Amino acid sequence: MARRRKNYYRLSRKNRNTVLVFVIVLLVLTAAVDYLKTERTGERPIAVGAADSNDFEKYDGREFLVIKVVDGDTLDINEPDRDKNWTRIRLWGVDTPETSKSPGGEMYYGPQASEFTRESTLNKLVVIRLDAGNNTRGKYGRLLAYVELPDGRVLNEVLLSEGYAYADLRFRHSMYDDYIERQTEAQENGAGLWGQVKREDLPRWLQRNRPKLLNTN
């Protein structure tokens, strides 16, 4: 009996070591991804907190000039933020395909989405809208916002309706259900990327989270 008990604990220690190795590898991979993103974009991860009242006072409902477009869902405005002379905006509720600047490489329709945002916003005045009661900052310190274009339309919504973006299902926000409906309508109409996109072209998180929304080939 004593020998069996000894073998049992030996097996448990082996399992614990296996789990420990797995966790270490996972942490190393996560750090590597963050490092690559930092090298390419200059953005560093920060702790994400609740809504920041200072952000609402500084940005919400105010007009700013777009001075740079990073990609389809990320842009910079001419307002100093922390240690930078600009503020980086990450659009709420949408995820556009990546461009060649991304650590993961270019995705289908990424250049088109980036160009659309560039033509719609670069060197133009836009109004920033924050999501009341929600986080104001993302993982890399980017300001999470809805961007109102000079013609009154909301860039986030236009990107979805015209098939340049996916509805981001990973984070809840006040327009969550509406954005899913916009994506569904764009998909049914074959708008933009939905005209020829294949399942393997879609972001992995979208394939995992809501396969029932994906009626692609």
N, C-alpha and C. Protein backbone atom coordinates (compact mmCIF):
# COMPACT_ATOMS: atom_id res chain seq x y z
N MET A 1 0.82 -1.21 0.00
CA MET A 1 0.00 0.00 0.00
C MET A 1 0.86 1.27 0.00
N ALA A 2 1.93 1.25 0.82
CA ALA A 2 2.82 2.41 0.91
C ALA A 2 3.47 2.71 -0.43
N ARG A 3 3.82 1.60 -1.17
CA ARG A 3 4.48 1.79 -2.45
C ARG A 3 3.53 2.45 -3.45
N ARG A 4 2.26 2.03 -3.44
CA ARG A 4 1.28 2.63 -4.34
C ARG A 4 1.10 4.12 -4.06
N ARG A 5 1.06 4.47 -2.77
CA ARG A 5 0.89 5.86 -2.40
C ARG A 5 2.07 6.69 -2.88
N LYS A 6 3.28 6.10 -2.77
CA LYS A 6 4.46 6.81 -3.22
C LYS A 6 4.40 7.06 -4.72
N ASN A 7 3.96 6.09 -5.52
CA ASN A 7 3.84 6.26 -6.96
C ASN A 7 2.80 7.31 -7.31
N TYR A 8 1.74 7.37 -6.50
CA TYR A 8 0.68 8.35 -6.75
C TYR A 8 1.22 9.76 -6.64
N TYR A 9 1.97 10.03 -5.56
CA TYR A 9 2.50 11.37 -5.38
C TYR A 9 3.58 11.70 -6.42
N ARG A 10 4.33 10.66 -6.87
CA ARG A 10 5.32 10.89 -7.90
C ARG A 10 4.63 11.33 -9.19
N LEU A 11 3.51 10.72 -9.53
CA LEU A 11 2.76 11.09 -10.72
C LEU A 11 2.20 12.50 -10.60
N SER A 12 1.73 12.87 -9.43
CA SER A 12 1.19 14.21 -9.21
C SER A 12 2.26 15.26 -9.42
N ARG A 13 3.46 15.01 -8.93
CA ARG A 13 4.54 15.97 -9.13
C ARG A 13 4.88 16.12 -10.61
N LYS A 14 4.82 15.01 -11.33
CA LYS A 14 5.09 15.06 -12.77
C LYS A 14 4.05 15.91 -13.49
N ASN A 15 2.80 15.74 -13.08
CA ASN A 15 1.73 16.54 -13.69
C ASN A 15 1.91 18.01 -13.38
N ARG A 16 2.30 18.30 -12.13
CA ARG A 16 2.51 19.70 -11.77
C ARG A 16 3.63 20.31 -12.59
N ASN A 17 4.69 19.57 -12.82
CA ASN A 17 5.81 20.07 -13.62
C ASN A 17 5.38 20.33 -15.06
N THR A 18 4.53 19.44 -15.57
CA THR A 18 4.04 19.62 -16.94
C THR A 18 3.22 20.90 -17.05
N VAL A 19 2.35 21.12 -16.07
CA VAL A 19 1.53 22.33 -16.06
C VAL A 19 2.40 23.57 -15.95
N LEU A 20 3.42 23.49 -15.10
CA LEU A 20 4.31 24.63 -14.91
C LEU A 20 5.03 24.98 -16.20
N VAL A 21 5.52 23.96 -16.91
CA VAL A 21 6.20 24.20 -18.19
C VAL A 21 5.25 24.84 -19.19
N PHE A 22 4.00 24.35 -19.22
CA PHE A 22 3.00 24.90 -20.14
C PHE A 22 2.74 26.37 -19.85
N VAL A 23 2.59 26.72 -18.58
CA VAL A 23 2.34 28.11 -18.19
C VAL A 23 3.51 29.01 -18.58
N ILE A 24 4.73 28.52 -18.36
CA ILE A 24 5.92 29.31 -18.71
C ILE A 24 5.99 29.57 -20.21
N VAL A 25 5.72 28.52 -20.99
CA VAL A 25 5.73 28.68 -22.45
C VAL A 25 4.67 29.67 -22.89
N LEU A 26 3.47 29.59 -22.27
CA LEU A 26 2.40 30.51 -22.62
C LEU A 26 2.78 31.95 -22.31
N LEU A 27 3.40 32.18 -21.16
CA LEU A 27 3.82 33.52 -20.78
C LEU A 27 4.89 34.06 -21.74
N VAL A 28 5.81 33.19 -22.14
CA VAL A 28 6.86 33.60 -23.07
C VAL A 28 6.27 34.00 -24.41
N LEU A 29 5.31 33.19 -24.91
CA LEU A 29 4.67 33.50 -26.18
C LEU A 29 3.90 34.82 -26.11
N THR A 30 3.18 35.04 -24.99
CA THR A 30 2.44 36.28 -24.82
C THR A 30 3.38 37.48 -24.80
N ALA A 31 4.49 37.33 -24.09
CA ALA A 31 5.46 38.41 -24.02
C ALA A 31 6.06 38.70 -25.39
N ALA A 32 6.28 37.63 -26.17
CA ALA A 32 6.85 37.81 -27.51
C ALA A 32 5.91 38.59 -28.41
N VAL A 33 4.61 38.27 -28.33
CA VAL A 33 3.62 38.99 -29.14
C VAL A 33 3.58 40.46 -28.75
N ASP A 34 3.57 40.73 -27.44
CA ASP A 34 3.56 42.12 -26.96
C ASP A 34 4.83 42.85 -27.41
N TYR A 35 5.95 42.13 -27.38
CA TYR A 35 7.21 42.76 -27.79
C TYR A 35 7.16 43.15 -29.26
N LEU A 36 6.68 42.23 -30.11
CA LEU A 36 6.58 42.52 -31.54
C LEU A 36 5.67 43.70 -31.80
N LYS A 37 4.56 43.76 -31.08
CA LYS A 37 3.63 44.87 -31.26
C LYS A 37 4.28 46.17 -30.83
N THR A 38 5.02 46.13 -29.72
CA THR A 38 5.69 47.33 -29.24
C THR A 38 6.73 47.80 -30.24
N GLU A 39 7.48 46.85 -30.83
CA GLU A 39 8.51 47.22 -31.78
C GLU A 39 7.93 47.87 -33.02
N ARG A 40 6.75 47.41 -33.44
CA ARG A 40 6.16 47.91 -34.69
C ARG A 40 5.34 49.16 -34.48
N THR A 41 4.67 49.28 -33.36
CA THR A 41 3.74 50.39 -33.16
C THR A 41 4.17 51.38 -32.10
N GLY A 42 5.12 50.99 -31.23
CA GLY A 42 5.53 51.86 -30.14
C GLY A 42 4.55 51.85 -28.98
N GLU A 43 3.55 50.95 -29.02
CA GLU A 43 2.54 50.89 -27.95
C GLU A 43 2.96 49.86 -26.92
N ARG A 44 2.81 50.20 -25.66
CA ARG A 44 3.17 49.30 -24.57
C ARG A 44 1.92 48.97 -23.75
N PRO A 45 1.79 47.70 -23.33
CA PRO A 45 0.61 47.32 -22.55
C PRO A 45 0.52 48.10 -21.26
N ILE A 46 -0.71 48.44 -20.85
CA ILE A 46 -0.95 49.08 -19.57
C ILE A 46 -2.11 48.37 -18.90
N ALA A 47 -2.29 48.63 -17.62
CA ALA A 47 -3.44 48.07 -16.92
C ALA A 47 -4.71 48.77 -17.38
N VAL A 48 -5.76 47.99 -17.65
CA VAL A 48 -7.02 48.55 -18.11
C VAL A 48 -7.95 48.74 -16.91
N GLY A 49 -8.42 49.95 -16.72
CA GLY A 49 -9.29 50.24 -15.59
C GLY A 49 -10.68 50.61 -16.04
N ALA A 50 -11.46 51.14 -15.10
CA ALA A 50 -12.82 51.56 -15.41
C ALA A 50 -12.79 52.89 -16.16
N ALA A 51 -13.98 53.40 -16.44
CA ALA A 51 -14.08 54.66 -17.17
C ALA A 51 -13.33 55.77 -16.42
N ASP A 52 -12.57 56.53 -17.16
CA ASP A 52 -11.78 57.63 -16.60
C ASP A 52 -12.53 58.93 -16.84
N SER A 53 -12.95 59.58 -15.76
CA SER A 53 -13.71 60.83 -15.89
C SER A 53 -12.88 61.92 -16.56
N ASN A 54 -11.56 61.87 -16.38
CA ASN A 54 -10.70 62.86 -17.03
C ASN A 54 -10.75 62.72 -18.55
N ASP A 55 -10.82 61.46 -19.02
CA ASP A 55 -10.92 61.22 -20.46
C ASP A 55 -12.23 61.79 -21.00
N PHE A 56 -13.32 61.62 -20.26
CA PHE A 56 -14.61 62.15 -20.72
C PHE A 56 -14.55 63.66 -20.81
N GLU A 57 -13.96 64.29 -19.82
CA GLU A 57 -13.86 65.74 -19.81
C GLU A 57 -12.97 66.25 -20.94
N LYS A 58 -11.91 65.51 -21.22
CA LYS A 58 -10.91 65.95 -22.19
C LYS A 58 -11.34 65.69 -23.64
N TYR A 59 -12.04 64.56 -23.88
CA TYR A 59 -12.29 64.14 -25.26
C TYR A 59 -13.76 64.09 -25.68
N ASP A 60 -14.64 63.66 -24.79
CA ASP A 60 -16.00 63.33 -25.20
C ASP A 60 -16.76 64.53 -25.78
N GLY A 61 -17.24 64.37 -27.01
CA GLY A 61 -18.01 65.43 -27.66
C GLY A 61 -17.19 66.56 -28.24
N ARG A 62 -15.88 66.42 -28.19
CA ARG A 62 -15.01 67.48 -28.70
C ARG A 62 -14.47 67.13 -30.08
N GLU A 63 -14.08 68.17 -30.81
CA GLU A 63 -13.62 68.03 -32.19
C GLU A 63 -12.10 68.06 -32.24
N PHE A 64 -11.52 67.15 -33.03
CA PHE A 64 -10.06 67.08 -33.16
C PHE A 64 -9.68 66.81 -34.61
N LEU A 65 -8.44 67.11 -34.93
CA LEU A 65 -7.91 66.87 -36.27
C LEU A 65 -7.21 65.51 -36.30
N VAL A 66 -7.53 64.70 -37.29
CA VAL A 66 -6.86 63.41 -37.46
C VAL A 66 -5.54 63.65 -38.18
N ILE A 67 -4.44 63.29 -37.53
CA ILE A 67 -3.12 63.57 -38.09
C ILE A 67 -2.43 62.31 -38.63
N LYS A 68 -2.97 61.13 -38.29
CA LYS A 68 -2.37 59.89 -38.80
C LYS A 68 -3.40 58.78 -38.75
N VAL A 69 -3.36 57.91 -39.75
CA VAL A 69 -4.19 56.70 -39.75
C VAL A 69 -3.25 55.50 -39.70
N VAL A 70 -3.34 54.73 -38.64
CA VAL A 70 -2.48 53.56 -38.45
C VAL A 70 -2.98 52.39 -39.28
N ASP A 71 -4.27 52.11 -39.17
CA ASP A 71 -4.93 51.09 -39.99
C ASP A 71 -6.42 51.38 -39.96
N GLY A 72 -7.23 50.42 -40.38
CA GLY A 72 -8.66 50.67 -40.51
C GLY A 72 -9.37 51.05 -39.24
N ASP A 73 -8.91 50.56 -38.08
CA ASP A 73 -9.62 50.84 -36.83
C ASP A 73 -8.78 51.63 -35.82
N THR A 74 -7.68 52.19 -36.26
CA THR A 74 -6.79 52.91 -35.34
C THR A 74 -6.28 54.19 -35.99
N LEU A 75 -6.37 55.31 -35.27
CA LEU A 75 -5.90 56.59 -35.82
C LEU A 75 -5.43 57.50 -34.69
N ASP A 76 -4.72 58.56 -35.07
CA ASP A 76 -4.18 59.52 -34.10
C ASP A 76 -4.83 60.89 -34.31
N ILE A 77 -5.10 61.57 -33.19
CA ILE A 77 -5.63 62.93 -33.26
C ILE A 77 -4.65 63.90 -32.61
N ASN A 78 -4.82 65.17 -32.91
CA ASN A 78 -3.85 66.20 -32.49
C ASN A 78 -4.11 66.68 -31.07
N GLU A 79 -4.09 65.76 -30.13
CA GLU A 79 -4.26 66.12 -28.72
C GLU A 79 -3.21 65.38 -27.91
N PRO A 80 -2.33 66.10 -27.18
CA PRO A 80 -1.31 65.43 -26.37
C PRO A 80 -1.93 64.47 -25.37
N ASP A 81 -1.26 63.34 -25.18
CA ASP A 81 -1.75 62.31 -24.27
C ASP A 81 -0.57 61.65 -23.58
N ARG A 82 -0.49 61.86 -22.25
CA ARG A 82 0.61 61.28 -21.47
C ARG A 82 1.96 61.75 -22.00
N ASP A 83 2.80 60.81 -22.49
CA ASP A 83 4.14 61.21 -22.93
C ASP A 83 4.22 61.45 -24.43
N LYS A 84 3.07 61.55 -25.10
CA LYS A 84 3.06 61.74 -26.55
C LYS A 84 2.41 63.06 -26.92
N ASN A 85 2.69 63.51 -28.14
CA ASN A 85 2.10 64.75 -28.63
C ASN A 85 0.78 64.51 -29.35
N TRP A 86 0.31 63.29 -29.32
CA TRP A 86 -0.95 62.93 -29.97
C TRP A 86 -1.70 61.93 -29.09
N THR A 87 -2.95 61.66 -29.45
CA THR A 87 -3.74 60.63 -28.78
C THR A 87 -4.09 59.56 -29.79
N ARG A 88 -3.83 58.31 -29.44
CA ARG A 88 -4.17 57.20 -30.33
C ARG A 88 -5.57 56.70 -30.02
N ILE A 89 -6.40 56.62 -31.05
CA ILE A 89 -7.78 56.19 -30.93
C ILE A 89 -7.94 54.78 -31.46
N ARG A 90 -8.61 53.94 -30.70
CA ARG A 90 -9.02 52.60 -31.16
C ARG A 90 -10.53 52.59 -31.23
N LEU A 91 -11.08 52.32 -32.42
CA LEU A 91 -12.52 52.39 -32.61
C LEU A 91 -13.25 51.34 -31.78
N TRP A 92 -14.29 51.78 -31.09
CA TRP A 92 -15.12 50.88 -30.30
C TRP A 92 -15.90 49.94 -31.22
N GLY A 93 -15.94 48.66 -30.84
CA GLY A 93 -16.91 47.73 -31.41
C GLY A 93 -16.63 47.19 -32.79
N VAL A 94 -15.49 47.55 -33.40
CA VAL A 94 -15.18 47.03 -34.73
C VAL A 94 -13.74 46.53 -34.76
N ASP A 95 -13.49 45.60 -35.66
CA ASP A 95 -12.15 45.07 -35.87
C ASP A 95 -11.92 44.95 -37.36
N THR A 96 -11.04 45.79 -37.91
CA THR A 96 -10.76 45.71 -39.34
C THR A 96 -9.62 44.73 -39.58
N PRO A 97 -9.56 44.12 -40.76
CA PRO A 97 -8.47 43.19 -41.08
C PRO A 97 -7.12 43.89 -40.95
N GLU A 98 -6.12 43.12 -40.56
CA GLU A 98 -4.79 43.67 -40.34
C GLU A 98 -4.10 44.03 -41.65
N THR A 99 -3.15 44.97 -41.55
CA THR A 99 -2.33 45.34 -42.70
C THR A 99 -0.95 44.70 -42.55
N SER A 100 -0.07 44.99 -43.48
CA SER A 100 1.28 44.42 -43.43
C SER A 100 2.08 44.92 -42.23
N LYS A 101 1.62 46.00 -41.58
CA LYS A 101 2.31 46.53 -40.41
C LYS A 101 2.08 45.69 -39.16
N SER A 102 1.09 44.82 -39.20
CA SER A 102 0.75 44.00 -38.04
C SER A 102 1.76 42.88 -37.85
N PRO A 103 2.07 42.51 -36.60
CA PRO A 103 2.98 41.38 -36.35
C PRO A 103 2.50 40.09 -37.00
N GLY A 104 1.17 39.94 -37.14
CA GLY A 104 0.63 38.72 -37.74
C GLY A 104 0.58 38.75 -39.25
N GLY A 105 0.95 39.87 -39.84
CA GLY A 105 0.94 39.97 -41.29
C GLY A 105 -0.38 40.47 -41.84
N GLU A 106 -0.39 40.72 -43.13
CA GLU A 106 -1.56 41.29 -43.80
C GLU A 106 -2.70 40.28 -43.92
N MET A 107 -3.92 40.75 -43.71
CA MET A 107 -5.11 39.92 -43.85
C MET A 107 -5.93 40.38 -45.05
N TYR A 108 -6.81 39.50 -45.50
CA TYR A 108 -7.68 39.82 -46.62
C TYR A 108 -8.48 41.09 -46.32
N TYR A 109 -8.44 42.03 -47.23
CA TYR A 109 -9.16 43.30 -47.18
C TYR A 109 -8.58 44.30 -46.17
N GLY A 110 -7.42 43.99 -45.61
CA GLY A 110 -6.80 44.93 -44.69
C GLY A 110 -6.40 46.24 -45.34
N PRO A 111 -5.71 46.22 -46.50
CA PRO A 111 -5.33 47.47 -47.16
C PRO A 111 -6.54 48.32 -47.55
N GLN A 112 -7.62 47.67 -48.01
CA GLN A 112 -8.82 48.42 -48.41
C GLN A 112 -9.46 49.12 -47.21
N ALA A 113 -9.51 48.42 -46.08
CA ALA A 113 -10.09 49.01 -44.87
C ALA A 113 -9.25 50.19 -44.39
N SER A 114 -7.94 50.03 -44.42
CA SER A 114 -7.05 51.10 -43.99
C SER A 114 -7.18 52.32 -44.90
N GLU A 115 -7.26 52.09 -46.20
CA GLU A 115 -7.38 53.18 -47.15
C GLU A 115 -8.71 53.91 -46.99
N PHE A 116 -9.77 53.16 -46.70
CA PHE A 116 -11.08 53.79 -46.51
C PHE A 116 -11.05 54.73 -45.30
N THR A 117 -10.48 54.26 -44.21
CA THR A 117 -10.38 55.12 -43.02
C THR A 117 -9.50 56.32 -43.29
N ARG A 118 -8.43 56.12 -44.03
CA ARG A 118 -7.53 57.24 -44.36
C ARG A 118 -8.26 58.30 -45.18
N GLU A 119 -8.97 57.87 -46.20
CA GLU A 119 -9.69 58.83 -47.03
C GLU A 119 -10.81 59.54 -46.26
N SER A 120 -11.39 58.84 -45.29
CA SER A 120 -12.52 59.39 -44.54
C SER A 120 -12.12 60.35 -43.44
N THR A 121 -10.87 60.21 -42.94
CA THR A 121 -10.52 60.96 -41.72
C THR A 121 -9.24 61.79 -41.79
N LEU A 122 -8.25 61.37 -42.56
CA LEU A 122 -6.94 62.02 -42.48
C LEU A 122 -7.02 63.50 -42.84
N ASN A 123 -6.44 64.33 -41.94
CA ASN A 123 -6.42 65.79 -42.10
C ASN A 123 -7.82 66.40 -42.07
N LYS A 124 -8.74 65.70 -41.43
CA LYS A 124 -10.10 66.19 -41.28
C LYS A 124 -10.47 66.29 -39.81
N LEU A 125 -11.44 67.15 -39.52
CA LEU A 125 -11.92 67.31 -38.16
C LEU A 125 -13.00 66.27 -37.87
N VAL A 126 -12.84 65.57 -36.76
CA VAL A 126 -13.82 64.56 -36.35
C VAL A 126 -14.22 64.83 -34.90
N VAL A 127 -15.36 64.30 -34.51
CA VAL A 127 -15.83 64.43 -33.13
C VAL A 127 -15.67 63.09 -32.44
N ILE A 128 -15.06 63.11 -31.26
CA ILE A 128 -14.82 61.89 -30.49
C ILE A 128 -15.96 61.67 -29.51
N ARG A 129 -16.51 60.45 -29.52
CA ARG A 129 -17.57 60.07 -28.59
C ARG A 129 -17.10 58.86 -27.77
N LEU A 130 -17.13 58.98 -26.46
CA LEU A 130 -16.77 57.86 -25.60
C LEU A 130 -18.03 57.10 -25.18
N ASP A 131 -17.84 55.89 -24.68
CA ASP A 131 -18.96 55.02 -24.31
C ASP A 131 -19.24 55.18 -22.82
N ALA A 132 -20.32 55.85 -22.48
CA ALA A 132 -20.63 56.16 -21.08
C ALA A 132 -20.72 54.90 -20.24
N GLY A 133 -20.02 54.92 -19.10
CA GLY A 133 -20.07 53.79 -18.18
C GLY A 133 -19.14 52.65 -18.54
N ASN A 134 -18.40 52.78 -19.61
CA ASN A 134 -17.50 51.72 -20.05
C ASN A 134 -16.04 52.18 -19.91
N ASN A 135 -15.10 51.23 -20.12
CA ASN A 135 -13.69 51.60 -20.10
C ASN A 135 -13.41 52.66 -21.16
N THR A 136 -12.50 53.55 -20.85
CA THR A 136 -12.10 54.55 -21.83
C THR A 136 -10.79 54.18 -22.51
N ARG A 137 -10.07 53.21 -21.97
CA ARG A 137 -8.77 52.83 -22.51
C ARG A 137 -8.70 51.33 -22.75
N GLY A 138 -7.96 50.95 -23.81
CA GLY A 138 -7.72 49.55 -24.11
C GLY A 138 -6.40 49.09 -23.52
N LYS A 139 -6.00 47.89 -23.88
CA LYS A 139 -4.81 47.25 -23.32
C LYS A 139 -3.55 48.09 -23.51
N TYR A 140 -3.42 48.73 -24.65
CA TYR A 140 -2.20 49.49 -24.95
C TYR A 140 -2.35 50.98 -24.69
N GLY A 141 -3.34 51.35 -23.90
CA GLY A 141 -3.51 52.75 -23.54
C GLY A 141 -4.24 53.57 -24.58
N ARG A 142 -4.70 52.92 -25.66
CA ARG A 142 -5.41 53.66 -26.70
C ARG A 142 -6.80 54.07 -26.19
N LEU A 143 -7.24 55.23 -26.62
CA LEU A 143 -8.55 55.74 -26.24
C LEU A 143 -9.62 55.01 -27.06
N LEU A 144 -10.57 54.39 -26.39
CA LEU A 144 -11.65 53.66 -27.05
C LEU A 144 -12.78 54.63 -27.37
N ALA A 145 -13.14 54.74 -28.65
CA ALA A 145 -14.08 55.80 -29.01
C ALA A 145 -14.88 55.47 -30.26
N TYR A 146 -15.99 56.17 -30.40
CA TYR A 146 -16.74 56.25 -31.65
C TYR A 146 -16.29 57.55 -32.31
N VAL A 147 -16.09 57.52 -33.62
CA VAL A 147 -15.58 58.69 -34.32
C VAL A 147 -16.64 59.21 -35.29
N GLU A 148 -17.08 60.44 -35.04
CA GLU A 148 -18.09 61.06 -35.91
C GLU A 148 -17.40 61.82 -37.03
N LEU A 149 -17.74 61.48 -38.25
CA LEU A 149 -17.12 62.08 -39.43
C LEU A 149 -17.69 63.48 -39.70
N PRO A 150 -17.03 64.26 -40.55
CA PRO A 150 -17.51 65.61 -40.86
C PRO A 150 -18.94 65.65 -41.41
N ASP A 151 -19.36 64.57 -42.08
CA ASP A 151 -20.72 64.55 -42.64
C ASP A 151 -21.77 64.04 -41.65
N GLY A 152 -21.34 63.79 -40.39
CA GLY A 152 -22.27 63.37 -39.36
C GLY A 152 -22.38 61.87 -39.17
N ARG A 153 -21.88 61.10 -40.10
CA ARG A 153 -21.90 59.65 -39.95
C ARG A 153 -20.85 59.22 -38.93
N VAL A 154 -21.04 58.02 -38.38
CA VAL A 154 -20.09 57.47 -37.41
C VAL A 154 -19.20 56.46 -38.13
N LEU A 155 -17.90 56.68 -38.09
CA LEU A 155 -16.96 55.84 -38.81
C LEU A 155 -17.12 54.37 -38.45
N ASN A 156 -17.28 54.07 -37.17
CA ASN A 156 -17.43 52.67 -36.73
C ASN A 156 -18.57 52.00 -37.48
N GLU A 157 -19.69 52.70 -37.60
CA GLU A 157 -20.88 52.15 -38.23
C GLU A 157 -20.69 52.01 -39.74
N VAL A 158 -20.06 53.00 -40.35
CA VAL A 158 -19.84 52.96 -41.79
C VAL A 158 -18.93 51.79 -42.17
N LEU A 159 -17.88 51.57 -41.38
CA LEU A 159 -16.98 50.46 -41.64
C LEU A 159 -17.72 49.12 -41.64
N LEU A 160 -18.66 48.97 -40.72
CA LEU A 160 -19.45 47.73 -40.66
C LEU A 160 -20.42 47.63 -41.82
N SER A 161 -21.17 48.69 -42.06
CA SER A 161 -22.22 48.66 -43.08
C SER A 161 -21.67 48.47 -44.48
N GLU A 162 -20.46 49.00 -44.73
CA GLU A 162 -19.88 48.90 -46.07
C GLU A 162 -18.90 47.74 -46.21
N GLY A 163 -18.82 46.91 -45.17
CA GLY A 163 -18.04 45.69 -45.27
C GLY A 163 -16.54 45.85 -45.17
N TYR A 164 -16.10 46.85 -44.40
CA TYR A 164 -14.67 47.02 -44.18
C TYR A 164 -14.22 46.48 -42.82
N ALA A 165 -15.17 46.09 -41.98
CA ALA A 165 -14.83 45.67 -40.62
C ALA A 165 -15.77 44.57 -40.14
N TYR A 166 -15.31 43.87 -39.10
CA TYR A 166 -16.11 42.88 -38.40
C TYR A 166 -16.63 43.50 -37.10
N ALA A 167 -17.82 43.10 -36.69
CA ALA A 167 -18.30 43.52 -35.39
C ALA A 167 -17.47 42.81 -34.33
N ASP A 168 -16.82 43.56 -33.46
CA ASP A 168 -15.93 42.98 -32.45
C ASP A 168 -16.77 42.42 -31.30
N LEU A 169 -16.82 41.10 -31.21
CA LEU A 169 -17.67 40.43 -30.24
C LEU A 169 -16.97 40.16 -28.91
N ARG A 170 -15.72 40.56 -28.80
CA ARG A 170 -14.94 40.21 -27.61
C ARG A 170 -15.22 41.13 -26.42
N PHE A 171 -15.73 42.33 -26.69
CA PHE A 171 -15.93 43.30 -25.60
C PHE A 171 -17.31 43.94 -25.72
N ARG A 172 -18.04 43.98 -24.61
CA ARG A 172 -19.38 44.57 -24.60
C ARG A 172 -19.29 46.09 -24.63
N HIS A 173 -20.22 46.70 -25.35
CA HIS A 173 -20.32 48.16 -25.39
C HIS A 173 -21.75 48.51 -25.71
N SER A 174 -22.10 49.78 -25.67
CA SER A 174 -23.50 50.17 -25.77
C SER A 174 -24.11 49.89 -27.15
N MET A 175 -23.28 49.75 -28.18
CA MET A 175 -23.79 49.51 -29.53
C MET A 175 -23.60 48.06 -29.96
N TYR A 176 -23.34 47.19 -29.04
CA TYR A 176 -22.99 45.79 -29.32
C TYR A 176 -24.00 45.10 -30.24
N ASP A 177 -25.27 45.07 -29.83
CA ASP A 177 -26.30 44.38 -30.62
C ASP A 177 -26.52 45.04 -31.98
N ASP A 178 -26.50 46.38 -31.99
CA ASP A 178 -26.69 47.11 -33.24
C ASP A 178 -25.56 46.79 -34.22
N TYR A 179 -24.34 46.66 -33.72
CA TYR A 179 -23.20 46.40 -34.60
C TYR A 179 -23.26 44.98 -35.18
N ILE A 180 -23.77 44.04 -34.40
CA ILE A 180 -23.95 42.69 -34.92
C ILE A 180 -24.97 42.70 -36.06
N GLU A 181 -26.04 43.47 -35.88
CA GLU A 181 -27.06 43.58 -36.94
C GLU A 181 -26.47 44.22 -38.20
N ARG A 182 -25.64 45.23 -38.02
CA ARG A 182 -25.03 45.88 -39.18
C ARG A 182 -24.12 44.90 -39.93
N GLN A 183 -23.37 44.11 -39.19
CA GLN A 183 -22.51 43.12 -39.84
C GLN A 183 -23.35 42.08 -40.59
N THR A 184 -24.42 41.62 -39.97
CA THR A 184 -25.28 40.63 -40.61
C THR A 184 -25.86 41.17 -41.91
N GLU A 185 -26.30 42.42 -41.89
CA GLU A 185 -26.86 43.04 -43.10
C GLU A 185 -25.81 43.18 -44.18
N ALA A 186 -24.61 43.60 -43.81
CA ALA A 186 -23.52 43.74 -44.78
C ALA A 186 -23.17 42.39 -45.38
N GLN A 187 -23.18 41.36 -44.54
CA GLN A 187 -22.87 40.02 -45.01
C GLN A 187 -23.92 39.53 -46.00
N GLU A 188 -25.18 39.77 -45.68
CA GLU A 188 -26.27 39.35 -46.57
C GLU A 188 -26.22 40.08 -47.90
N ASN A 189 -25.75 41.32 -47.89
CA ASN A 189 -25.67 42.13 -49.12
C ASN A 189 -24.37 41.91 -49.89
N GLY A 190 -23.45 41.14 -49.29
CA GLY A 190 -22.16 40.93 -49.93
C GLY A 190 -21.33 42.19 -50.02
N ALA A 191 -21.50 43.07 -49.05
CA ALA A 191 -20.79 44.35 -49.06
C ALA A 191 -19.31 44.17 -48.73
N GLY A 192 -18.46 44.91 -49.44
CA GLY A 192 -17.04 44.92 -49.13
C GLY A 192 -16.41 43.54 -49.08
N LEU A 193 -15.75 43.26 -47.97
CA LEU A 193 -15.05 41.99 -47.82
C LEU A 193 -15.97 40.78 -47.88
N TRP A 194 -17.26 40.98 -47.54
CA TRP A 194 -18.19 39.86 -47.52
C TRP A 194 -18.49 39.32 -48.91
N GLY A 195 -18.06 40.02 -49.94
CA GLY A 195 -18.31 39.54 -51.29
C GLY A 195 -17.54 38.27 -51.63
N GLN A 196 -16.30 38.16 -51.11
CA GLN A 196 -15.47 37.02 -51.47
C GLN A 196 -14.70 36.42 -50.30
N VAL A 197 -14.90 36.92 -49.09
CA VAL A 197 -14.13 36.42 -47.95
C VAL A 197 -14.39 34.94 -47.72
N LYS A 198 -13.34 34.22 -47.35
CA LYS A 198 -13.45 32.81 -47.00
C LYS A 198 -13.29 32.65 -45.50
N ARG A 199 -13.76 31.55 -44.99
CA ARG A 199 -13.71 31.33 -43.54
C ARG A 199 -12.29 31.48 -43.00
N GLU A 200 -11.32 30.96 -43.74
CA GLU A 200 -9.94 31.03 -43.25
C GLU A 200 -9.38 32.44 -43.27
N ASP A 201 -10.06 33.37 -43.95
CA ASP A 201 -9.62 34.76 -43.97
C ASP A 201 -10.04 35.52 -42.71
N LEU A 202 -11.02 35.00 -41.99
CA LEU A 202 -11.58 35.72 -40.85
C LEU A 202 -10.65 35.67 -39.64
N PRO A 203 -10.76 36.65 -38.75
CA PRO A 203 -9.97 36.62 -37.50
C PRO A 203 -10.30 35.36 -36.71
N ARG A 204 -9.30 34.79 -36.07
CA ARG A 204 -9.52 33.54 -35.32
C ARG A 204 -10.54 33.72 -34.21
N TRP A 205 -10.53 34.90 -33.56
CA TRP A 205 -11.48 35.10 -32.46
C TRP A 205 -12.91 35.05 -32.98
N LEU A 206 -13.14 35.50 -34.21
CA LEU A 206 -14.49 35.50 -34.76
C LEU A 206 -14.92 34.08 -35.11
N GLN A 207 -14.02 33.30 -35.64
CA GLN A 207 -14.33 31.91 -35.94
C GLN A 207 -14.65 31.12 -34.67
N ARG A 208 -13.96 31.46 -33.59
CA ARG A 208 -14.18 30.75 -32.31
C ARG A 208 -15.47 31.18 -31.65
N ASN A 209 -15.72 32.50 -31.59
CA ASN A 209 -16.79 33.03 -30.74
C ASN A 209 -18.20 32.88 -31.31
N ARG A 210 -18.35 33.13 -32.59
CA ARG A 210 -19.69 33.12 -33.15
C ARG A 210 -19.75 32.43 -34.52
N PRO A 211 -19.50 31.12 -34.56
CA PRO A 211 -19.51 30.45 -35.86
C PRO A 211 -20.85 30.53 -36.56
N LYS A 212 -21.94 30.68 -35.81
CA LYS A 212 -23.26 30.74 -36.44
C LYS A 212 -23.44 31.99 -37.28
N LEU A 213 -22.59 33.03 -37.06
CA LEU A 213 -22.70 34.25 -37.84
C LEU A 213 -21.94 34.16 -39.16
N LEU A 214 -21.17 33.09 -39.32
CA LEU A 214 -20.26 33.01 -40.44
C LEU A 214 -20.79 32.07 -41.51
N ASN A 215 -21.49 32.61 -42.47
CA ASN A 215 -22.02 31.80 -43.57
C ASN A 215 -21.10 31.93 -44.78
N THR A 216 -19.82 31.73 -44.54
CA THR A 216 -18.84 31.88 -45.61
C THR A 216 -18.48 30.51 -46.17
N ASN A 217 -17.82 30.53 -47.31
CA ASN A 217 -17.43 29.27 -47.95
C ASN A 217 -16.21 28.68 -47.27
